[in-house]
Protein backbone atom coordinates (compact mmCIF):
# COMPACT_ATOMS: atom_id res chain seq x y z
CA UNK A 1 -42.19 21.99 25.83
CA UNK A 2 -40.16 19.24 27.97
CA UNK A 3 -39.68 17.10 24.53
CA UNK A 4 -38.41 19.89 22.49
CA UNK A 5 -35.97 20.30 25.38
CA UNK A 6 -35.22 16.31 26.01
CA UNK A 7 -34.72 16.25 22.71
CA UNK A 8 -31.80 18.79 22.36
CA UNK A 9 -30.38 17.21 25.09
CA UNK A 10 -29.89 14.45 23.71
CA UNK A 11 -28.88 15.94 20.14
CA UNK A 12 -26.22 17.55 22.38
CA UNK A 13 -24.80 14.49 24.06
CA UNK A 14 -25.33 12.71 20.44
CA UNK A 15 -22.94 15.70 19.06
CA UNK A 16 -20.13 15.51 21.98
CA UNK A 17 -20.37 12.35 22.02
CA UNK A 18 -19.07 12.54 18.19
CA UNK A 19 -17.03 14.86 18.56
CA UNK A 20 -15.21 13.26 21.05
CA UNK A 21 -14.88 9.98 19.53
CA UNK A 22 -13.65 11.07 16.58
CA UNK A 23 -11.32 13.56 18.16
CA UNK A 24 -9.98 10.40 20.50
CA UNK A 25 -9.83 12.02 23.07
CA UNK A 26 -9.37 10.21 26.34
CA UNK A 27 -9.97 6.81 24.36
CA UNK A 28 -7.74 3.77 24.01
CA UNK A 29 -4.89 4.12 22.28
CA UNK A 30 -4.55 3.40 18.67
CA UNK A 31 -3.35 -0.38 18.24
CA UNK A 32 -0.41 -1.58 16.69
CA UNK A 33 0.81 -5.25 15.60
CA UNK A 34 4.62 -4.69 16.28
CA UNK A 35 8.00 -6.70 16.54
CA UNK A 36 8.81 -8.98 19.54
CA UNK A 37 11.03 -6.16 21.22
CA UNK A 38 12.48 -9.16 23.58
CA UNK A 39 15.53 -10.91 21.80
CA UNK A 40 15.08 -15.07 22.50
CA UNK A 41 17.52 -16.95 24.93
CA UNK A 42 19.94 -18.34 22.58
CA UNK A 43 19.64 -21.52 23.35
CA UNK A 44 16.04 -21.11 21.45
CA UNK A 45 17.32 -19.23 19.07
CA UNK A 46 19.95 -22.09 18.24
CA UNK A 47 17.31 -24.66 18.07
CA UNK A 48 14.63 -22.06 15.95
CA UNK A 49 17.89 -21.85 13.17
CA UNK A 50 18.19 -25.72 13.33
CA UNK A 51 14.63 -25.87 13.05
CA UNK A 52 15.01 -23.51 9.73
CA UNK A 53 18.53 -25.66 8.68
CA UNK A 54 16.81 -28.62 8.16
CA UNK A 55 13.29 -27.00 6.86
CA UNK A 56 15.82 -25.43 4.48
CA UNK A 57 17.36 -29.24 3.11
CA UNK A 58 14.14 -31.38 3.27
CA UNK A 59 12.54 -28.05 1.43
CA UNK A 60 16.14 -28.96 -1.12
CA UNK A 61 14.90 -32.02 -1.60
CA UNK A 62 11.38 -31.49 -2.51
CA UNK A 63 12.36 -29.43 -5.35
CA UNK A 64 14.78 -31.82 -6.81
CA UNK A 65 12.34 -34.69 -6.92
CA UNK A 66 9.84 -32.41 -8.64
CA UNK A 67 7.05 -32.66 -5.30
CA UNK A 68 7.44 -29.10 -4.29
CA UNK A 69 7.00 -26.70 -7.08
CA UNK A 70 7.23 -22.52 -5.18
CA UNK A 71 5.80 -19.57 -6.02
CA UNK A 72 7.63 -17.23 -3.08
CA UNK A 73 10.53 -17.13 -1.87
CA UNK A 74 12.28 -17.82 1.11
CA UNK A 75 10.78 -21.10 3.06
CA UNK A 76 7.81 -22.35 2.97
CA UNK A 77 7.29 -24.53 6.23
CA UNK A 78 4.07 -25.48 5.50
CA UNK A 79 4.27 -26.92 1.33
CA UNK A 80 7.29 -29.22 3.32
CA UNK A 81 6.21 -30.41 5.98
CA UNK A 82 3.06 -32.20 3.72
CA UNK A 83 5.35 -33.35 1.74
CA UNK A 84 5.39 -30.73 -0.63
CA UNK A 85 2.63 -29.04 -3.11
CA UNK A 86 2.63 -26.82 -6.73
CA UNK A 87 2.07 -23.71 -5.52
CA UNK A 88 2.69 -22.42 -9.32
CA UNK A 89 0.14 -25.32 -11.07
CA UNK A 90 -2.64 -24.58 -7.74
CA UNK A 91 -2.02 -20.44 -8.66
CA UNK A 92 -3.10 -21.46 -11.95
CA UNK A 93 -6.07 -23.06 -11.47
CA UNK A 94 -7.17 -20.76 -9.61
CA UNK A 95 -8.55 -23.21 -6.75
CA UNK A 96 -6.42 -22.03 -3.84
CA UNK A 97 -3.14 -22.63 -2.82
CA UNK A 98 -1.80 -23.42 0.66
CA UNK A 99 -1.48 -20.76 3.51
CA UNK A 100 1.75 -19.95 3.75
CA UNK A 101 2.59 -19.32 -0.01
CA UNK A 102 -0.94 -16.99 0.35
CA UNK A 103 0.96 -14.51 2.67
CA UNK A 104 3.71 -14.99 0.63
CA UNK A 105 2.22 -13.34 -1.52
CA UNK A 106 0.04 -10.69 0.11
CA UNK A 107 3.55 -9.61 1.38
CA UNK A 108 5.76 -8.81 -1.69
CA UNK A 109 7.04 -12.22 -1.47
CA UNK A 110 6.35 -13.78 -4.74
CA UNK A 111 8.99 -15.10 -7.28
CA UNK A 112 9.76 -12.97 -9.99
CA UNK A 113 8.44 -14.70 -12.78
CA UNK A 114 5.09 -14.69 -10.77
CA UNK A 115 5.20 -11.54 -9.48
CA UNK A 116 4.66 -9.98 -12.82
CA UNK A 117 1.33 -11.59 -12.91
CA UNK A 118 0.29 -10.51 -9.47
CA UNK A 119 -2.17 -8.07 -9.25
CA UNK A 120 -4.72 -6.23 -7.59
CA UNK A 121 -9.04 -5.85 -8.45
CA UNK A 122 -11.10 -3.13 -7.15
CA UNK A 123 -11.30 -5.08 -4.00
CA UNK A 124 -7.85 -5.09 -3.41
CA UNK A 125 -8.05 -8.55 -3.21
CA UNK A 126 -4.48 -10.52 -4.49
CA UNK A 127 -5.51 -11.65 -8.25
CA UNK A 128 -3.11 -13.69 -10.93
CA UNK A 129 -4.03 -14.05 -14.36
CA UNK A 130 -7.08 -12.54 -12.94
CA UNK A 131 -8.64 -14.94 -11.39
CA UNK A 132 -8.70 -14.65 -7.74
CA UNK A 133 -6.17 -16.15 -4.74
CA UNK A 134 -7.23 -17.47 -2.27
CA UNK A 135 -6.20 -20.64 0.39
CA UNK A 136 -6.83 -23.81 -0.58
CA UNK A 137 -10.75 -25.37 0.72
CA UNK A 138 -11.16 -26.59 3.87
CA UNK A 139 -11.15 -30.13 2.14
CA UNK A 140 -7.94 -29.49 1.35
CA UNK A 141 -5.70 -28.08 4.05
CA UNK A 142 -7.56 -31.24 6.12
CA UNK A 143 -6.08 -33.42 3.44
CA UNK A 144 -2.82 -31.93 3.52
CA UNK A 145 -3.00 -31.60 7.93
CA UNK A 146 -3.18 -34.83 7.36
CA UNK A 147 -0.48 -35.98 5.86
CA UNK A 148 1.76 -33.45 7.72
CA UNK A 149 0.63 -35.68 11.24
CA UNK A 150 2.32 -38.94 9.22
CA UNK A 151 5.35 -36.93 8.78
CA UNK A 152 5.36 -35.61 12.33
CA UNK A 153 7.20 -37.65 15.48
CA UNK A 154 5.33 -40.19 16.96
CA UNK A 155 4.72 -37.98 20.23
CA UNK A 156 3.18 -35.37 18.41
CA UNK A 157 0.93 -37.53 15.77
CA UNK A 158 -0.22 -38.84 19.56
CA UNK A 159 -0.84 -35.93 21.27
CA UNK A 160 -4.59 -34.89 21.80
CA UNK A 161 -6.21 -32.07 19.81
CA UNK A 162 -8.50 -29.71 21.86
CA UNK A 163 -11.81 -29.48 20.52
CA UNK A 164 -12.30 -27.03 18.48
CA UNK A 165 -15.61 -26.05 16.89
CA UNK A 166 -16.07 -25.97 13.27
CA UNK A 167 -18.02 -23.49 11.12
CA UNK A 168 -20.73 -25.55 9.79
CA UNK A 169 -20.27 -24.26 5.68
CA UNK A 170 -23.50 -22.03 4.09
CA UNK A 171 -24.72 -24.87 1.46
CA UNK A 172 -23.04 -22.74 -1.58
CA UNK A 173 -19.58 -23.30 0.30
CA UNK A 174 -20.94 -27.16 1.01
CA UNK A 175 -21.26 -27.32 -3.06
CA UNK A 176 -18.63 -25.85 -3.93
CA UNK A 177 -15.99 -28.56 -2.02
CA UNK A 178 -17.91 -31.03 -2.78
CA UNK A 179 -17.27 -30.09 -6.56
CA UNK A 180 -14.02 -29.22 -6.05
CA UNK A 181 -12.75 -32.82 -4.96
CA UNK A 182 -15.54 -34.04 -7.33
CA UNK A 183 -12.47 -32.48 -10.21
CA UNK A 184 -9.45 -33.33 -7.64
């Protein structure tokens, strides 16, 4: 008889926990990302404006030299600081795009001629002409970060980087990266 009473007590506690959890009584408030409410000091805001102006000018130069072909509206700082990318060709190939292009596409900032080919599949993944849009492989990103370091000021390029653990890719991922390197 004690086992039955203990079982009902446990089920009652479980049910009470479920009810309290679903009603969010006494729980943590939902976390939401909010824009920063504090404005930047004017000196910092001026430097940010200057940096945007310089990056925009560099982007224009890369476009004139046919070294940067955008797929999104606005400035793509990543593509500029690595010396340019052809984001449209990257989309067409289906082998990945740079992180800022991916973010722009995800946020609905695609150029009009690109936007007409963007859709989402049943799982909600971004698709371009029925090809899944993904970020460049880790190998390709490493190459681009190395290029970025060549363009960086000497102090920034020489600064020691914090050692971080890199995830070991699965055999499938490593094989895919090796095949991708061969095709590039």
